[in-house]
């Protein structure tokens, strides 16, 4: 998941100004000047936007 966010971050920046995670927009995490993909994934995991069902099965 981290690799996917790293790959897509530049293209996603600018489209996520309104959803807020602990006071920050998703764009704040995707800003190319200081991208923090790991923090974004941590905040998404704690948010109501993601339902945690345990470990993914491959």
Protein backbone atom coordinates (compact mmCIF):
# COMPACT_ATOMS: atom_id res chain seq x y z
CA UNK A 1 0.00 0.00 0.00
CA UNK A 2 2.84 2.36 0.81
CA UNK A 3 4.40 1.83 -2.63
CA UNK A 4 1.05 2.55 -4.29
CA UNK A 5 0.61 5.82 -2.41
CA UNK A 6 4.23 6.81 -3.18
CA UNK A 7 3.64 6.13 -6.87
CA UNK A 8 0.33 8.03 -7.07
CA UNK A 9 0.99 10.91 -4.63
CA UNK A 10 2.13 13.45 -7.21
CA UNK A 11 -0.90 12.77 -9.41
CA UNK A 12 -3.35 12.82 -6.46
CA UNK A 13 -2.10 16.11 -5.00
CA UNK A 14 -4.58 18.93 -5.57
CA UNK A 15 -7.69 16.74 -5.63
CA UNK A 16 -8.04 16.11 -1.88
CA UNK A 17 -8.43 19.52 -0.24
CA UNK A 18 -11.61 18.82 1.69
CA UNK A 19 -11.37 15.46 3.46
CA UNK A 20 -9.68 16.13 6.79
CA UNK A 21 -7.70 13.70 8.91
CA UNK A 22 -6.96 15.04 12.38
CA UNK A 23 -7.07 18.63 11.18
CA UNK A 24 -5.02 18.11 8.01
CA UNK A 25 -6.25 17.66 4.47
CA UNK A 26 -5.16 14.63 2.48
CA UNK A 27 -3.37 17.10 0.19
CA UNK A 28 -1.24 18.17 3.18
CA UNK A 29 0.15 14.62 3.30
CA UNK A 30 0.55 14.44 -0.50
CA UNK A 31 2.29 17.80 -0.97
CA UNK A 32 5.32 17.13 -3.22
CA UNK A 33 7.50 19.46 -1.13
CA UNK A 34 7.13 17.21 1.93
CA UNK A 35 5.15 14.08 1.12
CA UNK A 36 4.48 11.81 4.10
CA UNK A 37 2.88 8.66 2.72
CA UNK A 38 3.38 6.62 5.89
CA UNK A 39 1.63 9.24 8.04
CA UNK A 40 -1.22 9.41 5.53
CA UNK A 41 -1.73 5.66 5.67
CA UNK A 42 -1.62 5.73 9.50
CA UNK A 43 -4.24 8.47 9.61
CA UNK A 44 -6.45 6.73 7.05
CA UNK A 45 -6.30 3.53 9.10
CA UNK A 46 -7.62 5.48 12.12
CA UNK A 47 -10.26 7.35 10.12
CA UNK A 48 -13.90 6.48 9.45
CA UNK A 49 -13.01 6.22 5.73
CA UNK A 50 -11.32 2.83 6.13
CA UNK A 51 -12.75 -0.28 7.72
CA UNK A 52 -9.99 -2.36 9.27
CA UNK A 53 -10.68 -6.05 8.85
CA UNK A 54 -7.30 -7.31 10.00
CA UNK A 55 -4.47 -8.48 7.80
CA UNK A 56 -5.02 -8.64 4.07
CA UNK A 57 -5.13 -12.06 2.52
CA UNK A 58 -3.21 -12.55 -0.72
